[in-house]
């Protein structure tokens, strides 16, 4: 039986390249793709593929939050993160969200196929470049990031709202997306900014990009 893979990346050229790479392999079939995290979650819930190859920096809902939602609803789906981010914080947050693999885009290549087969077989897979650079990374991840990452102060809902705020969505628009009242959205927004010690939206945008909560090009959507 073929391994069914779903591709989530906001760049069509990346999705096309991954599709070509994977479908050239025996026993692997790409069953769908999406360009943002929210669509990814919706489509994966319906398709229940074996593996999702997930970018972190996607609009609407970043890959880490999408991973957490997918794993909560479809525990049999394995997620492999394929990202430009190589920091300990990003790797830890991805694994904590339920990802079973983490690959760096710059050195992925044939590792993508290896990672897909590994997670389907029940193993964790980290990019060889990560292992070579930090051989004890799995032992170091938890304590270091819990102590340093301000993202850990936020709830999942607060992280969702933070991303939509910095992408330029109004409270009414966010409320429609998340089925909340605008007043509730404002409450969440005030609370998350207070937790982070941030008092203005430009600083919030900078924080979101630095911590991989939204892709850098989403800043262009910010209306002020």
C-alpha atoms as a PDB file:
ATOM      1  CA  UNK A   1       0.000   0.000   0.000  1.00  0.00           C
ATOM      2  CA  UNK A   2       1.332   3.443  -0.939  1.00  0.00           C
ATOM      3  CA  UNK A   3       2.352   6.035   1.662  1.00  0.00           C
ATOM      4  CA  UNK A   4      -0.084   8.941   1.249  1.00  0.00           C
ATOM      5  CA  UNK A   5       1.557  12.364   1.624  1.00  0.00           C
ATOM      6  CA  UNK A   6       0.061  15.858   1.883  1.00  0.00           C
ATOM      7  CA  UNK A   7       2.197  18.951   1.064  1.00  0.00           C
ATOM      8  CA  UNK A   8       1.823  22.242   2.973  1.00  0.00           C
ATOM      9  CA  UNK A   9       3.948  25.179   1.803  1.00  0.00           C
ATOM     10  CA  UNK A  10       3.065  28.701   0.715  1.00  0.00           C
ATOM     11  CA  UNK A  11       5.389  28.542  -2.306  1.00  0.00           C
ATOM     12  CA  UNK A  12       3.992  26.682  -5.326  1.00  0.00           C
ATOM     13  CA  UNK A  13       7.481  25.949  -6.655  1.00  0.00           C
ATOM     14  CA  UNK A  14       8.366  24.136  -3.420  1.00  0.00           C
ATOM     15  CA  UNK A  15       5.172  22.079  -3.525  1.00  0.00           C
ATOM     16  CA  UNK A  16       5.790  21.185  -7.178  1.00  0.00           C
ATOM     17  CA  UNK A  17       9.377  20.164  -6.448  1.00  0.00           C
ATOM     18  CA  UNK A  18       8.350  18.002  -3.504  1.00  0.00           C
ATOM     19  CA  UNK A  19       5.590  16.379  -5.539  1.00  0.00           C
ATOM     20  CA  UNK A  20       8.047  15.488  -8.325  1.00  0.00           C
ATOM     21  CA  UNK A  21      10.591  14.135  -5.835  1.00  0.00           C
ATOM     22  CA  UNK A  22       8.113  12.020  -3.887  1.00  0.00           C
ATOM     23  CA  UNK A  23       6.130  10.635  -6.812  1.00  0.00           C
ATOM     24  CA  UNK A  24       9.353   9.463  -8.446  1.00  0.00           C
ATOM     25  CA  UNK A  25       9.681   7.024  -5.534  1.00  0.00           C
ATOM     26  CA  UNK A  26       8.027   3.625  -5.428  1.00  0.00           C
ATOM     27  CA  UNK A  27       5.237   3.342  -2.885  1.00  0.00           C
ATOM     28  CA  UNK A  28       4.700   7.087  -2.229  1.00  0.00           C
ATOM     29  CA  UNK A  29       1.728   9.091  -3.490  1.00  0.00           C
ATOM     30  CA  UNK A  30       0.939  12.805  -2.999  1.00  0.00           C
ATOM     31  CA  UNK A  31      -2.777  13.132  -2.227  1.00  0.00           C
ATOM     32  CA  UNK A  32      -3.116  16.904  -1.845  1.00  0.00           C
ATOM     33  CA  UNK A  33      -1.500  20.234  -1.064  1.00  0.00           C
ATOM     34  CA  UNK A  34      -2.254  23.651   0.426  1.00  0.00           C
ATOM     35  CA  UNK A  35      -0.616  27.083   0.646  1.00  0.00           C
ATOM     36  CA  UNK A  36      -1.686  28.116   4.170  1.00  0.00           C
ATOM     37  CA  UNK A  37      -2.000  26.485   7.553  1.00  0.00           C
ATOM     38  CA  UNK A  38      -5.752  26.810   8.009  1.00  0.00           C
ATOM     39  CA  UNK A  39      -6.559  25.179   4.668  1.00  0.00           C
ATOM     40  CA  UNK A  40      -4.015  22.479   5.471  1.00  0.00           C
ATOM     41  CA  UNK A  41      -5.785  21.597   8.731  1.00  0.00           C
ATOM     42  CA  UNK A  42      -9.194  21.452   7.034  1.00  0.00           C
ATOM     43  CA  UNK A  43      -8.006  19.310   4.124  1.00  0.00           C
ATOM     44  CA  UNK A  44      -5.914  16.942   6.237  1.00  0.00           C
ATOM     45  CA  UNK A  45      -8.873  16.273   8.527  1.00  0.00           C
ATOM     46  CA  UNK A  46     -10.814  15.083   5.483  1.00  0.00           C
ATOM     47  CA  UNK A  47      -8.024  13.159   3.759  1.00  0.00           C
ATOM     48  CA  UNK A  48      -6.210  11.688   6.797  1.00  0.00           C
ATOM     49  CA  UNK A  49      -2.956  11.091   4.883  1.00  0.00           C
ATOM     50  CA  UNK A  50      -0.113   9.094   6.376  1.00  0.00           C
ATOM     51  CA  UNK A  51       2.311  12.048   6.375  1.00  0.00           C
ATOM     52  CA  UNK A  52       2.123  15.828   6.093  1.00  0.00           C
ATOM     53  CA  UNK A  53       5.224  17.698   4.925  1.00  0.00           C
ATOM     54  CA  UNK A  54       4.738  21.029   6.659  1.00  0.00           C
ATOM     55  CA  UNK A  55       6.395  24.420   6.247  1.00  0.00           C
ATOM     56  CA  UNK A  56       6.488  26.603   9.387  1.00  0.00           C
ATOM     57  CA  UNK A  57       6.181  30.066   7.842  1.00  0.00           C
ATOM     58  CA  UNK A  58       2.701  29.971   6.292  1.00  0.00           C
ATOM     59  CA  UNK A  59      -0.077  32.597   6.314  1.00  0.00           C
ATOM     60  CA  UNK A  60      -3.383  32.283   8.210  1.00  0.00           C
ATOM     61  CA  UNK A  61      -1.982  29.648  10.588  1.00  0.00           C
ATOM     62  CA  UNK A  62       1.707  28.787  10.914  1.00  0.00           C
ATOM     63  CA  UNK A  63       2.941  25.233  10.530  1.00  0.00           C
ATOM     64  CA  UNK A  64       3.562  24.602  14.218  1.00  0.00           C
ATOM     65  CA  UNK A  65       0.020  25.561  15.224  1.00  0.00           C
ATOM     66  CA  UNK A  66      -1.347  23.583  12.251  1.00  0.00           C
ATOM     67  CA  UNK A  67       0.666  20.549  13.388  1.00  0.00           C
ATOM     68  CA  UNK A  68      -0.799  20.755  16.880  1.00  0.00           C
ATOM     69  CA  UNK A  69      -4.358  20.934  15.535  1.00  0.00           C
ATOM     70  CA  UNK A  70      -3.815  18.070  13.089  1.00  0.00           C
ATOM     71  CA  UNK A  71      -2.309  15.822  15.756  1.00  0.00           C
ATOM     72  CA  UNK A  72      -5.191  16.597  18.124  1.00  0.00           C
ATOM     73  CA  UNK A  73      -7.799  15.574  15.534  1.00  0.00           C
ATOM     74  CA  UNK A  74      -5.959  12.909  13.499  1.00  0.00           C
ATOM     75  CA  UNK A  75      -3.434  11.194  15.751  1.00  0.00           C
ATOM     76  CA  UNK A  76      -2.466   8.695  13.034  1.00  0.00           C
ATOM     77  CA  UNK A  77      -1.158  11.471  10.751  1.00  0.00           C
ATOM     78  CA  UNK A  78       2.599  11.945  11.053  1.00  0.00           C
ATOM     79  CA  UNK A  79       3.999  15.448  10.463  1.00  0.00           C
ATOM     80  CA  UNK A  80       7.455  16.239   9.117  1.00  0.00           C
ATOM     81  CA  UNK A  81       8.451  19.900   9.337  1.00  0.00           C
ATOM     82  CA  UNK A  82      10.395  21.199   6.336  1.00  0.00           C
ATOM     83  CA  UNK A  83      11.656  24.654   7.234  1.00  0.00           C
ATOM     84  CA  UNK A  84      14.306  27.328   6.832  1.00  0.00           C
ATOM     85  CA  UNK A  85      14.360  27.800  10.624  1.00  0.00           C
ATOM     86  CA  UNK A  86      17.191  25.936  12.375  1.00  0.00           C
ATOM     87  CA  UNK A  87      17.032  27.355  15.904  1.00  0.00           C
ATOM     88  CA  UNK A  88      16.582  25.169  18.961  1.00  0.00           C
ATOM     89  CA  UNK A  89      13.370  27.034  19.769  1.00  0.00           C
ATOM     90  CA  UNK A  90      11.711  26.216  16.445  1.00  0.00           C
ATOM     91  CA  UNK A  91      12.739  22.556  16.573  1.00  0.00           C
ATOM     92  CA  UNK A  92      11.524  22.167  20.158  1.00  0.00           C
ATOM     93  CA  UNK A  93       8.181  23.865  19.492  1.00  0.00           C
ATOM     94  CA  UNK A  94       7.612  21.719  16.405  1.00  0.00           C
ATOM     95  CA  UNK A  95       8.346  18.477  18.268  1.00  0.00           C
ATOM     96  CA  UNK A  96       6.243  19.581  21.221  1.00  0.00           C
ATOM     97  CA  UNK A  97       3.342  20.244  18.822  1.00  0.00           C
ATOM     98  CA  UNK A  98       3.566  16.638  17.672  1.00  0.00           C
ATOM     99  CA  UNK A  99       5.900  16.651  14.653  1.00  0.00           C
ATOM    100  CA  UNK A 100       7.874  13.438  14.226  1.00  0.00           C
ATOM    101  CA  UNK A 101      10.444  14.875  11.847  1.00  0.00           C
ATOM    102  CA  UNK A 102      12.265  18.139  11.237  1.00  0.00           C
ATOM    103  CA  UNK A 103      14.193  18.895   8.030  1.00  0.00           C
ATOM    104  CA  UNK A 104      16.042  22.021   6.919  1.00  0.00           C
ATOM    105  CA  UNK A 105      15.042  23.184   3.445  1.00  0.00           C
ATOM    106  CA  UNK A 106      18.603  24.042   2.492  1.00  0.00           C
ATOM    107  CA  UNK A 107      19.789  20.461   2.879  1.00  0.00           C
ATOM    108  CA  UNK A 108      16.659  18.369   2.437  1.00  0.00           C
ATOM    109  CA  UNK A 109      16.844  16.700  -1.001  1.00  0.00           C
ATOM    110  CA  UNK A 110      16.657  12.926  -0.717  1.00  0.00           C
ATOM    111  CA  UNK A 111      16.312  13.296   3.070  1.00  0.00           C
ATOM    112  CA  UNK A 112      12.642  14.083   2.467  1.00  0.00           C
ATOM    113  CA  UNK A 113      12.017  10.543   1.251  1.00  0.00           C
ATOM    114  CA  UNK A 114      14.060   9.060   4.105  1.00  0.00           C
ATOM    115  CA  UNK A 115      12.130  11.139   6.653  1.00  0.00           C
ATOM    116  CA  UNK A 116       8.737  10.165   5.220  1.00  0.00           C
ATOM    117  CA  UNK A 117       9.581   6.472   5.390  1.00  0.00           C
ATOM    118  CA  UNK A 118      11.067   6.836   8.886  1.00  0.00           C
ATOM    119  CA  UNK A 119       8.035   8.499  10.493  1.00  0.00           C
ATOM    120  CA  UNK A 120       5.645   6.019   8.881  1.00  0.00           C
ATOM    121  CA  UNK A 121       7.758   3.272  10.450  1.00  0.00           C
ATOM    122  CA  UNK A 122       7.316   4.916  13.860  1.00  0.00           C
ATOM    123  CA  UNK A 123      10.712   6.601  14.137  1.00  0.00           C
ATOM    124  CA  UNK A 124      11.643  10.238  14.715  1.00  0.00           C
ATOM    125  CA  UNK A 125      13.766  11.912  12.040  1.00  0.00           C
ATOM    126  CA  UNK A 126      15.907  15.049  12.340  1.00  0.00           C
ATOM    127  CA  UNK A 127      17.883  16.590   9.482  1.00  0.00           C
ATOM    128  CA  UNK A 128      21.433  15.282   9.344  1.00  0.00           C
ATOM    129  CA  UNK A 129      22.691  18.856   9.364  1.00  0.00           C
ATOM    130  CA  UNK A 130      20.945  19.441  12.715  1.00  0.00           C
ATOM    131  CA  UNK A 131      22.423  16.265  14.192  1.00  0.00           C
ATOM    132  CA  UNK A 132      25.920  17.085  12.911  1.00  0.00           C
ATOM    133  CA  UNK A 133      25.786  20.631  14.230  1.00  0.00           C
ATOM    134  CA  UNK A 134      24.241  19.750  17.601  1.00  0.00           C
ATOM    135  CA  UNK A 135      24.570  15.997  18.272  1.00  0.00           C
ATOM    136  CA  UNK A 136      22.958  16.243  21.728  1.00  0.00           C
ATOM    137  CA  UNK A 137      20.077  18.428  20.552  1.00  0.00           C
ATOM    138  CA  UNK A 138      17.264  16.160  21.762  1.00  0.00           C
ATOM    139  CA  UNK A 139      18.691  16.207  25.279  1.00  0.00           C
ATOM    140  CA  UNK A 140      19.150  19.966  25.219  1.00  0.00           C
ATOM    141  CA  UNK A 141      15.855  21.023  23.662  1.00  0.00           C
ATOM    142  CA  UNK A 142      13.346  20.994  26.486  1.00  0.00           C
ATOM    143  CA  UNK A 143      15.076  22.805  29.356  1.00  0.00           C
ATOM    144  CA  UNK A 144      16.753  25.410  27.177  1.00  0.00           C
ATOM    145  CA  UNK A 145      13.644  26.475  25.313  1.00  0.00           C
ATOM    146  CA  UNK A 146      11.246  26.342  28.241  1.00  0.00           C
ATOM    147  CA  UNK A 147      13.540  28.774  30.015  1.00  0.00           C
ATOM    148  CA  UNK A 148      14.023  31.128  27.068  1.00  0.00           C
ATOM    149  CA  UNK A 149      11.018  31.103  24.737  1.00  0.00           C
ATOM    150  CA  UNK A 150       8.409  33.811  25.403  1.00  0.00           C
ATOM    151  CA  UNK A 151       6.087  31.977  22.999  1.00  0.00           C
ATOM    152  CA  UNK A 152       5.576  29.394  25.753  1.00  0.00           C
ATOM    153  CA  UNK A 153       3.725  32.060  27.752  1.00  0.00           C
ATOM    154  CA  UNK A 154       0.896  32.158  25.206  1.00  0.00           C
ATOM    155  CA  UNK A 155      -2.033  29.788  24.818  1.00  0.00           C
ATOM    156  CA  UNK A 156      -2.770  28.174  21.451  1.00  0.00           C
ATOM    157  CA  UNK A 157      -5.668  30.590  20.892  1.00  0.00           C
ATOM    158  CA  UNK A 158      -3.478  33.583  21.733  1.00  0.00           C
ATOM    159  CA  UNK A 159      -0.881  32.417  19.208  1.00  0.00           C
ATOM    160  CA  UNK A 160      -3.570  32.063  16.530  1.00  0.00           C
ATOM    161  CA  UNK A 161      -4.838  35.580  17.192  1.00  0.00           C
ATOM    162  CA  UNK A 162      -1.319  37.015  17.305  1.00  0.00           C
ATOM    163  CA  UNK A 163      -0.602  35.670  13.820  1.00  0.00           C
ATOM    164  CA  UNK A 164      -3.843  37.034  12.366  1.00  0.00           C
ATOM    165  CA  UNK A 165      -3.279  40.450  13.999  1.00  0.00           C
ATOM    166  CA  UNK A 166       0.206  40.847  12.531  1.00  0.00           C
ATOM    167  CA  UNK A 167      -1.089  39.748   9.120  1.00  0.00           C
ATOM    168  CA  UNK A 168      -3.357  42.778   9.172  1.00  0.00           C
ATOM    169  CA  UNK A 169      -6.713  41.233  10.084  1.00  0.00           C
ATOM    170  CA  UNK A 170      -9.240  43.354  11.944  1.00  0.00           C
ATOM    171  CA  UNK A 171     -10.887  42.125  15.138  1.00  0.00           C
ATOM    172  CA  UNK A 172     -14.103  41.529  13.191  1.00  0.00           C
ATOM    173  CA  UNK A 173     -12.281  39.469  10.548  1.00  0.00           C
ATOM    174  CA  UNK A 174     -10.461  37.436  13.188  1.00  0.00           C
ATOM    175  CA  UNK A 175     -13.751  36.861  14.966  1.00  0.00           C
ATOM    176  CA  UNK A 176     -15.303  35.497  11.759  1.00  0.00           C
ATOM    177  CA  UNK A 177     -12.358  33.157  11.147  1.00  0.00           C
ATOM    178  CA  UNK A 178     -12.271  31.815  14.714  1.00  0.00           C
ATOM    179  CA  UNK A 179     -15.997  32.074  15.545  1.00  0.00           C
ATOM    180  CA  UNK A 180     -15.405  34.646  18.300  1.00  0.00           C
ATOM    181  CA  UNK A 181     -16.928  38.046  18.983  1.00  0.00           C
ATOM    182  CA  UNK A 182     -14.760  41.090  18.153  1.00  0.00           C
ATOM    183  CA  UNK A 183     -14.797  41.992  21.848  1.00  0.00           C
ATOM    184  CA  UNK A 184     -13.399  38.571  22.769  1.00  0.00           C
ATOM    185  CA  UNK A 185     -10.704  38.970  20.125  1.00  0.00           C
ATOM    186  CA  UNK A 186      -9.739  42.354  21.615  1.00  0.00           C
ATOM    187  CA  UNK A 187      -9.511  40.751  25.052  1.00  0.00           C
ATOM    188  CA  UNK A 188      -7.196  38.031  23.751  1.00  0.00           C
ATOM    189  CA  UNK A 189      -5.124  40.623  21.910  1.00  0.00           C
ATOM    190  CA  UNK A 190      -4.666  42.789  25.000  1.00  0.00           C
ATOM    191  CA  UNK A 191      -3.827  39.747  27.125  1.00  0.00           C
ATOM    192  CA  UNK A 192      -1.181  38.361  24.756  1.00  0.00           C
ATOM    193  CA  UNK A 193       0.498  41.760  24.370  1.00  0.00           C
ATOM    194  CA  UNK A 194       0.583  42.136  28.136  1.00  0.00           C
ATOM    195  CA  UNK A 195       2.113  38.654  28.544  1.00  0.00           C
ATOM    196  CA  UNK A 196       4.818  39.500  26.020  1.00  0.00           C
ATOM    197  CA  UNK A 197       5.455  43.003  27.340  1.00  0.00           C
ATOM    198  CA  UNK A 198       4.717  44.472  23.884  1.00  0.00           C
ATOM    199  CA  UNK A 199       2.777  47.710  23.537  1.00  0.00           C
ATOM    200  CA  UNK A 200       2.448  48.310  19.786  1.00  0.00           C
ATOM    201  CA  UNK A 201       1.671  46.357  16.628  1.00  0.00           C
ATOM    202  CA  UNK A 202       5.035  46.958  14.825  1.00  0.00           C
ATOM    203  CA  UNK A 203       6.842  45.363  17.777  1.00  0.00           C
ATOM    204  CA  UNK A 204       4.313  42.526  17.710  1.00  0.00           C
ATOM    205  CA  UNK A 205       5.039  41.980  13.992  1.00  0.00           C
ATOM    206  CA  UNK A 206       8.777  41.839  14.672  1.00  0.00           C
ATOM    207  CA  UNK A 207       8.225  39.324  17.485  1.00  0.00           C
ATOM    208  CA  UNK A 208       5.988  37.109  15.323  1.00  0.00           C
ATOM    209  CA  UNK A 209       8.483  36.964  12.454  1.00  0.00           C
ATOM    210  CA  UNK A 210      11.479  36.324  14.729  1.00  0.00           C
ATOM    211  CA  UNK A 211       9.709  33.397  16.405  1.00  0.00           C
ATOM    212  CA  UNK A 212       8.324  31.852  13.212  1.00  0.00           C
ATOM    213  CA  UNK A 213       4.685  32.585  14.004  1.00  0.00           C
ATOM    214  CA  UNK A 214       4.136  34.174  10.591  1.00  0.00           C
ATOM    215  CA  UNK A 215       6.134  34.257   7.340  1.00  0.00           C
ATOM    216  CA  UNK A 216       8.158  37.484   6.767  1.00  0.00           C
ATOM    217  CA  UNK A 217       6.283  38.373   3.565  1.00  0.00           C
ATOM    218  CA  UNK A 218       2.988  38.528   5.510  1.00  0.00           C
ATOM    219  CA  UNK A 219       4.144  41.848   6.959  1.00  0.00           C
ATOM    220  CA  UNK A 220       3.265  43.438   3.662  1.00  0.00           C
ATOM    221  CA  UNK A 221      -0.414  42.820   4.401  1.00  0.00           C
ATOM    222  CA  UNK A 222      -0.308  44.970   7.517  1.00  0.00           C
ATOM    223  CA  UNK A 223      -2.420  48.049   7.016  1.00  0.00           C
ATOM    224  CA  UNK A 224      -1.115  50.011   9.994  1.00  0.00           C
END
